[in-house]
Amino acid sequence: MRQIDLSEFEQNFLYKFNNINILEEALRHSSFVNEQLDTEMKDNERLE
């Protein structure tokens, strides 16, 4: 699913996330989640 390498994202921002899954969820829009077959996927609205 990852279209970008999130470890490279961390390197570019000079920040190491404790939980890379939270970063991935934070970047995921609800419209994307609604189009996927994976019902376990969560969008960033949960984090608001």
Protein backbone atom coordinates (compact mmCIF):
# COMPACT_ATOMS: atom_id res chain seq x y z
CA MET A 1 0.00 0.00 0.00
CA ARG A 2 2.82 2.39 0.77
CA GLN A 3 3.56 4.53 -2.25
CA ILE A 4 6.42 6.25 -0.45
CA ASP A 5 9.01 4.81 1.87
CA LEU A 6 8.16 6.22 5.28
CA SER A 7 11.68 5.64 6.58
CA GLU A 8 12.87 7.97 3.81
CA PHE A 9 10.17 10.42 4.92
CA GLU A 10 11.64 10.31 8.44
CA GLN A 11 15.14 10.94 7.12
CA ASN A 12 14.00 13.93 5.08
CA PHE A 13 12.37 15.51 8.14
CA LEU A 14 15.18 14.49 10.51
CA TYR A 15 12.65 12.94 12.88
CA LYS A 16 12.26 9.33 14.05
CA PHE A 17 8.68 8.28 14.84
CA ASN A 18 8.15 5.83 17.69
CA ASN A 19 5.26 4.22 15.82
CA ILE A 20 5.49 4.47 12.03
CA ASN A 21 1.93 3.10 11.74
CA ILE A 22 0.55 6.28 13.31
CA LEU A 23 2.41 8.34 10.72
CA GLU A 24 0.96 6.19 7.96
CA GLU A 25 -2.55 6.61 9.37
CA ALA A 26 -2.07 10.37 9.76
CA LEU A 27 -1.28 10.64 6.05
CA ARG A 28 -4.23 8.50 4.94
CA HIS A 29 -7.35 10.38 3.79
CA SER A 30 -10.84 8.93 4.38
CA SER A 31 -11.64 8.94 0.66
CA PHE A 32 -8.67 6.66 0.05
CA VAL A 33 -9.76 4.26 2.81
CA ASN A 34 -13.30 4.10 1.41
CA GLU A 35 -11.94 2.98 -1.96
CA GLN A 36 -9.90 0.10 -0.51
CA LEU A 37 -10.96 -3.49 0.07
CA ASP A 38 -9.06 -3.67 3.37
CA THR A 39 -11.71 -3.03 6.02
CA GLU A 40 -9.07 -2.89 8.79
CA MET A 41 -7.52 0.26 7.32
CA LYS A 42 -8.12 3.44 9.34
CA ASP A 43 -8.07 7.04 8.14
CA ASN A 44 -6.65 10.19 9.70
CA GLU A 45 -10.03 11.46 10.94
CA ARG A 46 -9.75 9.12 13.92
CA LEU A 47 -6.73 11.12 15.09
CA GLU A 48 -8.55 14.47 15.19
